């Protein structure tokens, strides 16, 4: 049988960027959930340190999300 076309179709770079963003925010949830559940008692004794460390983490993730939006990663209609 004679093969027709290429062996594998090419995917757009946007596909990979969206996949990396999904992994990034999926990992964020993985770290955020145990922090909220396991450190419940520790928040009462070391509340400000734990709170500000998580706020720093969320700030970095939010900055990455805003950067991705400004670069147009989530805009599928843009070429």
PDB file of N, CA and C in Angstrom:
ATOM      1  N   UNK A   1       0.834  -1.166   0.000  1.00  0.00           N
ATOM      2  CA  UNK A   1       0.000   0.000   0.000  1.00  0.00           C
ATOM      3  C   UNK A   1       0.887   1.240   0.000  1.00  0.00           C
ATOM      4  N   UNK A   2       0.570   2.173  -0.842  1.00  0.00           N
ATOM      5  CA  UNK A   2       1.347   3.405  -0.933  1.00  0.00           C
ATOM      6  C   UNK A   2       0.794   4.412   0.087  1.00  0.00           C
ATOM      7  N   UNK A   3       1.662   4.943   0.969  1.00  0.00           N
ATOM      8  CA  UNK A   3       1.181   5.914   1.956  1.00  0.00           C
ATOM      9  C   UNK A   3       0.815   7.237   1.291  1.00  0.00           C
ATOM     10  N   UNK A   4      -0.215   7.870   1.844  1.00  0.00           N
ATOM     11  CA  UNK A   4      -0.659   9.170   1.327  1.00  0.00           C
ATOM     12  C   UNK A   4      -0.519  10.207   2.436  1.00  0.00           C
ATOM     13  N   UNK A   5       0.081  11.331   2.113  1.00  0.00           N
ATOM     14  CA  UNK A   5       0.214  12.407   3.092  1.00  0.00           C
ATOM     15  C   UNK A   5       1.348  12.158   4.070  1.00  0.00           C
ATOM     16  N   UNK A   6       1.384  13.011   5.081  1.00  0.00           N
ATOM     17  CA  UNK A   6       2.424  12.897   6.105  1.00  0.00           C
ATOM     18  C   UNK A   6       2.029  11.854   7.142  1.00  0.00           C
ATOM     19  N   UNK A   7       3.026  11.386   7.883  1.00  0.00           N
ATOM     20  CA  UNK A   7       2.774  10.356   8.881  1.00  0.00           C
ATOM     21  C   UNK A   7       1.926  10.888  10.030  1.00  0.00           C
ATOM     22  N   UNK A   8       2.226  12.084  10.499  1.00  0.00           N
ATOM     23  CA  UNK A   8       1.470  12.678  11.600  1.00  0.00           C
ATOM     24  C   UNK A   8       1.113  14.110  11.230  1.00  0.00           C
ATOM     25  N   UNK A   9      -0.099  14.526  11.576  1.00  0.00           N
ATOM     26  CA  UNK A   9      -0.460  15.913  11.271  1.00  0.00           C
ATOM     27  C   UNK A   9       0.307  16.879  12.175  1.00  0.00           C
ATOM     28  N   UNK A  10       0.533  18.078  11.675  1.00  0.00           N
ATOM     29  CA  UNK A  10       1.225  19.099  12.465  1.00  0.00           C
ATOM     30  C   UNK A  10       0.219  19.819  13.344  1.00  0.00           C
ATOM     31  N   UNK A  11       0.634  20.049  14.588  1.00  0.00           N
ATOM     32  CA  UNK A  11      -0.191  20.799  15.519  1.00  0.00           C
ATOM     33  C   UNK A  11       0.319  22.225  15.591  1.00  0.00           C
ATOM     34  N   UNK A  12      -0.594  23.136  15.834  1.00  0.00           N
ATOM     35  CA  UNK A  12      -0.226  24.535  15.990  1.00  0.00           C
ATOM     36  C   UNK A  12       0.535  24.729  17.293  1.00  0.00           C
ATOM     37  N   UNK A  13       1.372  25.750  17.332  1.00  0.00           N
ATOM     38  CA  UNK A  13       2.097  26.089  18.551  1.00  0.00           C
ATOM     39  C   UNK A  13       1.117  26.478  19.650  1.00  0.00           C
ATOM     40  N   UNK A  14      -0.016  27.055  19.282  1.00  0.00           N
ATOM     41  CA  UNK A  14      -1.040  27.440  20.262  1.00  0.00           C
ATOM     42  C   UNK A  14      -1.511  26.231  21.075  1.00  0.00           C
ATOM     43  N   UNK A  15      -1.587  25.091  20.439  1.00  0.00           N
ATOM     44  CA  UNK A  15      -1.995  23.878  21.147  1.00  0.00           C
ATOM     45  C   UNK A  15      -1.042  23.575  22.298  1.00  0.00           C
ATOM     46  N   UNK A  16       0.248  23.680  22.044  1.00  0.00           N
ATOM     47  CA  UNK A  16       1.236  23.383  23.078  1.00  0.00           C
ATOM     48  C   UNK A  16       1.251  24.458  24.158  1.00  0.00           C
ATOM     49  N   UNK A  17       1.041  25.712  23.788  1.00  0.00           N
ATOM     50  CA  UNK A  17       0.987  26.779  24.786  1.00  0.00           C
ATOM     51  C   UNK A  17      -0.197  26.600  25.725  1.00  0.00           C
ATOM     52  N   UNK A  18      -1.343  26.239  25.165  1.00  0.00           N
ATOM     53  CA  UNK A  18      -2.518  25.990  25.999  1.00  0.00           C
ATOM     54  C   UNK A  18      -2.267  24.795  26.916  1.00  0.00           C
ATOM     55  N   UNK A  19      -1.616  23.771  26.403  1.00  0.00           N
ATOM     56  CA  UNK A  19      -1.313  22.589  27.220  1.00  0.00           C
ATOM     57  C   UNK A  19      -0.384  22.948  28.374  1.00  0.00           C
ATOM     58  N   UNK A  20       0.620  23.785  28.123  1.00  0.00           N
ATOM     59  CA  UNK A  20       1.529  24.185  29.194  1.00  0.00           C
ATOM     60  C   UNK A  20       0.813  25.043  30.232  1.00  0.00           C
ATOM     61  N   UNK A  21      -0.085  25.916  29.794  1.00  0.00           N
ATOM     62  CA  UNK A  21      -0.852  26.718  30.746  1.00  0.00           C
ATOM     63  C   UNK A  21      -1.759  25.834  31.590  1.00  0.00           C
ATOM     64  N   UNK A  22      -2.348  24.829  30.984  1.00  0.00           N
ATOM     65  CA  UNK A  22      -3.187  23.904  31.753  1.00  0.00           C
ATOM     66  C   UNK A  22      -2.356  23.207  32.831  1.00  0.00           C
ATOM     67  N   UNK A  23      -1.181  22.747  32.468  1.00  0.00           N
ATOM     68  CA  UNK A  23      -0.320  22.083  33.444  1.00  0.00           C
ATOM     69  C   UNK A  23       0.077  23.044  34.558  1.00  0.00           C
ATOM     70  N   UNK A  24       0.393  24.276  34.200  1.00  0.00           N
ATOM     71  CA  UNK A  24       0.768  25.274  35.202  1.00  0.00           C
ATOM     72  C   UNK A  24      -0.338  25.494  36.224  1.00  0.00           C
ATOM     73  N   UNK A  25      -1.551  25.722  35.754  1.00  0.00           N
ATOM     74  CA  UNK A  25      -2.638  26.003  36.675  1.00  0.00           C
ATOM     75  C   UNK A  25      -3.144  24.731  37.366  1.00  0.00           C
ATOM     76  N   UNK A  26      -2.931  23.592  36.773  1.00  0.00           N
ATOM     77  CA  UNK A  26      -3.256  22.334  37.438  1.00  0.00           C
ATOM     78  C   UNK A  26      -2.319  22.109  38.622  1.00  0.00           C
ATOM     79  N   UNK A  27      -1.050  22.400  38.430  1.00  0.00           N
ATOM     80  CA  UNK A  27      -0.081  22.277  39.520  1.00  0.00           C
ATOM     81  C   UNK A  27      -0.382  23.282  40.616  1.00  0.00           C
ATOM     82  N   UNK A  28      -0.862  24.467  40.250  1.00  0.00           N
ATOM     83  CA  UNK A  28      -1.232  25.457  41.262  1.00  0.00           C
ATOM     84  C   UNK A  28      -2.304  24.895  42.189  1.00  0.00           C
ATOM     85  N   UNK A  29      -3.307  24.273  41.631  1.00  0.00           N
ATOM     86  CA  UNK A  29      -4.382  23.710  42.446  1.00  0.00           C
ATOM     87  C   UNK A  29      -3.847  22.573  43.313  1.00  0.00           C
ATOM     88  N   UNK A  30      -2.916  21.804  42.786  1.00  0.00           N
ATOM     89  CA  UNK A  30      -2.337  20.707  43.554  1.00  0.00           C
ATOM     90  C   UNK A  30      -1.620  21.242  44.792  1.00  0.00           C
ATOM     91  N   UNK A  31      -0.959  22.382  44.685  1.00  0.00           N
ATOM     92  CA  UNK A  31      -0.286  22.965  45.840  1.00  0.00           C
ATOM     93  C   UNK A  31      -1.230  23.756  46.736  1.00  0.00           C
ATOM     94  N   UNK A  32      -2.259  24.337  46.172  1.00  0.00           N
ATOM     95  CA  UNK A  32      -3.158  25.180  46.949  1.00  0.00           C
ATOM     96  C   UNK A  32      -4.090  24.370  47.845  1.00  0.00           C
ATOM     97  N   UNK A  33      -4.579  23.266  47.383  1.00  0.00           N
ATOM     98  CA  UNK A  33      -5.522  22.470  48.170  1.00  0.00           C
ATOM     99  C   UNK A  33      -4.910  21.910  49.455  1.00  0.00           C
ATOM    100  N   UNK A  34      -3.752  21.254  49.399  1.00  0.00           N
ATOM    101  CA  UNK A  34      -3.171  20.764  50.658  1.00  0.00           C
ATOM    102  C   UNK A  34      -2.800  21.902  51.614  1.00  0.00           C
ATOM    103  N   UNK A  35      -2.385  23.024  51.060  1.00  0.00           N
ATOM    104  CA  UNK A  35      -2.062  24.172  51.905  1.00  0.00           C
ATOM    105  C   UNK A  35      -3.284  24.585  52.709  1.00  0.00           C
ATOM    106  N   UNK A  36      -4.427  24.635  52.067  1.00  0.00           N
ATOM    107  CA  UNK A  36      -5.645  25.066  52.751  1.00  0.00           C
ATOM    108  C   UNK A  36      -6.124  24.038  53.765  1.00  0.00           C
ATOM    109  N   UNK A  37      -5.942  22.765  53.488  1.00  0.00           N
ATOM    110  CA  UNK A  37      -6.463  21.721  54.374  1.00  0.00           C
ATOM    111  C   UNK A  37      -5.484  21.377  55.501  1.00  0.00           C
ATOM    112  N   UNK A  38      -4.243  21.133  55.173  1.00  0.00           N
ATOM    113  CA  UNK A  38      -3.288  20.637  56.166  1.00  0.00           C
ATOM    114  C   UNK A  38      -2.759  21.705  57.106  1.00  0.00           C
ATOM    115  N   UNK A  39      -2.698  22.937  56.654  1.00  0.00           N
ATOM    116  CA  UNK A  39      -2.135  23.987  57.489  1.00  0.00           C
ATOM    117  C   UNK A  39      -3.200  24.758  58.254  1.00  0.00           C
ATOM    118  N   UNK A  40      -4.359  24.172  58.415  1.00  0.00           N
ATOM    119  CA  UNK A  40      -5.458  24.846  59.102  1.00  0.00           C
ATOM    120  C   UNK A  40      -5.082  25.201  60.540  1.00  0.00           C
ATOM    121  N   UNK A  41      -4.491  24.250  61.258  1.00  0.00           N
ATOM    122  CA  UNK A  41      -4.098  24.508  62.643  1.00  0.00           C
ATOM    123  C   UNK A  41      -2.878  25.424  62.716  1.00  0.00           C
ATOM    124  N   UNK A  42      -1.972  25.266  61.779  1.00  0.00           N
ATOM    125  CA  UNK A  42      -0.761  26.062  61.796  1.00  0.00           C
ATOM    126  C   UNK A  42      -1.035  27.536  61.474  1.00  0.00           C
ATOM    127  N   UNK A  43      -2.110  27.805  60.780  1.00  0.00           N
ATOM    128  CA  UNK A  43      -2.448  29.186  60.453  1.00  0.00           C
ATOM    129  C   UNK A  43      -2.729  29.979  61.717  1.00  0.00           C
ATOM    130  N   UNK A  44      -3.285  29.337  62.722  1.00  0.00           N
ATOM    131  CA  UNK A  44      -3.587  30.039  63.969  1.00  0.00           C
ATOM    132  C   UNK A  44      -2.310  30.466  64.700  1.00  0.00           C
ATOM    133  N   UNK A  45      -1.248  29.676  64.600  1.00  0.00           N
ATOM    134  CA  UNK A  45      -0.005  30.026  65.293  1.00  0.00           C
ATOM    135  C   UNK A  45       0.962  30.835  64.431  1.00  0.00           C
ATOM    136  N   UNK A  46       1.071  30.497  63.165  1.00  0.00           N
ATOM    137  CA  UNK A  46       1.999  31.178  62.250  1.00  0.00           C
ATOM    138  C   UNK A  46       1.227  31.802  61.094  1.00  0.00           C
ATOM    139  N   UNK A  47       0.125  32.428  61.378  1.00  0.00           N
ATOM    140  CA  UNK A  47      -0.802  32.888  60.348  1.00  0.00           C
ATOM    141  C   UNK A  47      -0.218  33.813  59.310  1.00  0.00           C
ATOM    142  N   UNK A  48       0.502  34.844  59.712  1.00  0.00           N
ATOM    143  CA  UNK A  48       0.945  35.838  58.738  1.00  0.00           C
ATOM    144  C   UNK A  48       2.009  35.280  57.796  1.00  0.00           C
ATOM    145  N   UNK A  49       2.930  34.460  58.309  1.00  0.00           N
ATOM    146  CA  UNK A  49       3.972  33.903  57.440  1.00  0.00           C
ATOM    147  C   UNK A  49       3.411  32.985  56.374  1.00  0.00           C
ATOM    148  N   UNK A  50       2.519  32.111  56.778  1.00  0.00           N
ATOM    149  CA  UNK A  50       1.905  31.179  55.834  1.00  0.00           C
ATOM    150  C   UNK A  50       1.024  31.928  54.838  1.00  0.00           C
ATOM    151  N   UNK A  51       0.268  32.892  55.354  1.00  0.00           N
ATOM    152  CA  UNK A  51      -0.624  33.655  54.477  1.00  0.00           C
ATOM    153  C   UNK A  51       0.156  34.405  53.407  1.00  0.00           C
ATOM    154  N   UNK A  52       1.226  35.101  53.805  1.00  0.00           N
ATOM    155  CA  UNK A  52       1.972  35.907  52.833  1.00  0.00           C
ATOM    156  C   UNK A  52       2.787  35.046  51.878  1.00  0.00           C
ATOM    157  N   UNK A  53       3.231  33.901  52.311  1.00  0.00           N
ATOM    158  CA  UNK A  53       3.927  33.019  51.369  1.00  0.00           C
ATOM    159  C   UNK A  53       2.970  32.518  50.288  1.00  0.00           C
ATOM    160  N   UNK A  54       1.738  32.186  50.677  1.00  0.00           N
ATOM    161  CA  UNK A  54       0.767  31.752  49.675  1.00  0.00           C
ATOM    162  C   UNK A  54       0.331  32.913  48.792  1.00  0.00           C
ATOM    163  N   UNK A  55       0.229  34.109  49.357  1.00  0.00           N
ATOM    164  CA  UNK A  55      -0.117  35.273  48.532  1.00  0.00           C
ATOM    165  C   UNK A  55       0.983  35.546  47.509  1.00  0.00           C
ATOM    166  N   UNK A  56       2.231  35.343  47.891  1.00  0.00           N
ATOM    167  CA  UNK A  56       3.342  35.484  46.942  1.00  0.00           C
ATOM    168  C   UNK A  56       3.249  34.466  45.824  1.00  0.00           C
ATOM    169  N   UNK A  57       2.926  33.234  46.180  1.00  0.00           N
ATOM    170  CA  UNK A  57       2.763  32.182  45.179  1.00  0.00           C
ATOM    171  C   UNK A  57       1.620  32.499  44.219  1.00  0.00           C
ATOM    172  N   UNK A  58       0.488  32.919  44.773  1.00  0.00           N
ATOM    173  CA  UNK A  58      -0.656  33.256  43.925  1.00  0.00           C
ATOM    174  C   UNK A  58      -0.382  34.485  43.065  1.00  0.00           C
ATOM    175  N   UNK A  59       0.393  35.423  43.577  1.00  0.00           N
ATOM    176  CA  UNK A  59       0.763  36.600  42.787  1.00  0.00           C
ATOM    177  C   UNK A  59       1.611  36.202  41.587  1.00  0.00           C
ATOM    178  N   UNK A  60       2.585  35.319  41.801  1.00  0.00           N
ATOM    179  CA  UNK A  60       3.412  34.861  40.686  1.00  0.00           C
ATOM    180  C   UNK A  60       2.592  34.123  39.633  1.00  0.00           C
ATOM    181  N   UNK A  61       1.683  33.282  40.073  1.00  0.00           N
ATOM    182  CA  UNK A  61       0.845  32.544  39.125  1.00  0.00           C
ATOM    183  C   UNK A  61      -0.078  33.504  38.377  1.00  0.00           C
ATOM    184  N   UNK A  62      -0.629  34.486  39.079  1.00  0.00           N
ATOM    185  CA  UNK A  62      -1.505  35.467  38.435  1.00  0.00           C
ATOM    186  C   UNK A  62      -0.726  36.312  37.424  1.00  0.00           C
ATOM    187  N   UNK A  63       0.498  36.676  37.769  1.00  0.00           N
ATOM    188  CA  UNK A  63       1.320  37.432  36.825  1.00  0.00           C
ATOM    189  C   UNK A  63       1.589  36.620  35.561  1.00  0.00           C
ATOM    190  N   UNK A  64       1.817  35.329  35.711  1.00  0.00           N
ATOM    191  CA  UNK A  64       2.006  34.461  34.552  1.00  0.00           C
ATOM    192  C   UNK A  64       0.752  34.373  33.695  1.00  0.00           C
ATOM    193  N   UNK A  65      -0.394  34.319  34.339  1.00  0.00           N
ATOM    194  CA  UNK A  65      -1.665  34.258  33.621  1.00  0.00           C
ATOM    195  C   UNK A  65      -1.914  35.555  32.850  1.00  0.00           C
ATOM    196  N   UNK A  66      -1.670  36.689  33.490  1.00  0.00           N
ATOM    197  CA  UNK A  66      -1.847  37.990  32.831  1.00  0.00           C
ATOM    198  C   UNK A  66      -0.875  38.128  31.662  1.00  0.00           C
ATOM    199  N   UNK A  67       0.349  37.675  31.841  1.00  0.00           N
ATOM    200  CA  UNK A  67       1.333  37.709  30.757  1.00  0.00           C
ATOM    201  C   UNK A  67       0.865  36.870  29.567  1.00  0.00           C
ATOM    202  N   UNK A  68       0.329  35.696  29.839  1.00  0.00           N
ATOM    203  CA  UNK A  68      -0.163  34.825  28.767  1.00  0.00           C
ATOM    204  C   UNK A  68      -1.333  35.475  28.036  1.00  0.00           C
ATOM    205  N   UNK A  69      -2.209  36.140  28.770  1.00  0.00           N
ATOM    206  CA  UNK A  69      -3.338  36.810  28.131  1.00  0.00           C
ATOM    207  C   UNK A  69      -2.844  37.958  27.258  1.00  0.00           C
ATOM    208  N   UNK A  70      -1.883  38.740  27.760  1.00  0.00           N
ATOM    209  CA  UNK A  70      -1.362  39.867  26.977  1.00  0.00           C
ATOM    210  C   UNK A  70      -0.632  39.407  25.727  1.00  0.00           C
ATOM    211  N   UNK A  71       0.008  38.250  25.790  1.00  0.00           N
ATOM    212  CA  UNK A  71       0.692  37.709  24.617  1.00  0.00           C
ATOM    213  C   UNK A  71      -0.281  37.082  23.614  1.00  0.00           C
ATOM    214  N   UNK A  72      -1.537  36.889  24.012  1.00  0.00           N
ATOM    215  CA  UNK A  72      -2.533  36.339  23.103  1.00  0.00           C
ATOM    216  C   UNK A  72      -2.513  34.820  23.020  1.00  0.00           C
ATOM    217  N   UNK A  73      -2.002  34.170  24.034  1.00  0.00           N
ATOM    218  CA  UNK A  73      -1.913  32.706  24.010  1.00  0.00           C
ATOM    219  C   UNK A  73      -3.307  32.083  23.987  1.00  0.00           C
ATOM    220  N   UNK A  74      -4.236  32.679  24.690  1.00  0.00           N
ATOM    221  CA  UNK A  74      -5.575  32.106  24.791  1.00  0.00           C
ATOM    222  C   UNK A  74      -6.511  32.537  23.660  1.00  0.00           C
ATOM    223  N   UNK A  75      -6.025  33.344  22.733  1.00  0.00           N
ATOM    224  CA  UNK A  75      -6.847  33.815  21.621  1.00  0.00           C
ATOM    225  C   UNK A  75      -6.685  32.862  20.444  1.00  0.00           C
ATOM    226  N   UNK A  76      -7.662  32.016  20.191  1.00  0.00           N
ATOM    227  CA  UNK A  76      -7.568  31.005  19.148  1.00  0.00           C
ATOM    228  C   UNK A  76      -7.726  31.581  17.748  1.00  0.00           C
ATOM    229  N   UNK A  77      -8.417  32.697  17.598  1.00  0.00           N
ATOM    230  CA  UNK A  77      -8.672  33.235  16.261  1.00  0.00           C
ATOM    231  C   UNK A  77      -7.502  34.032  15.718  1.00  0.00           C
ATOM    232  N   UNK A  78      -6.575  34.391  16.573  1.00  0.00           N
ATOM    233  CA  UNK A  78      -5.408  35.163  16.160  1.00  0.00           C
ATOM    234  C   UNK A  78      -4.409  34.241  15.470  1.00  0.00           C
ATOM    235  N   UNK A  79      -3.833  34.679  14.374  1.00  0.00           N
ATOM    236  CA  UNK A  79      -2.846  33.857  13.667  1.00  0.00           C
ATOM    237  C   UNK A  79      -1.516  34.199  14.136  1.00  0.00           C
TER     238      UNK A  79
END
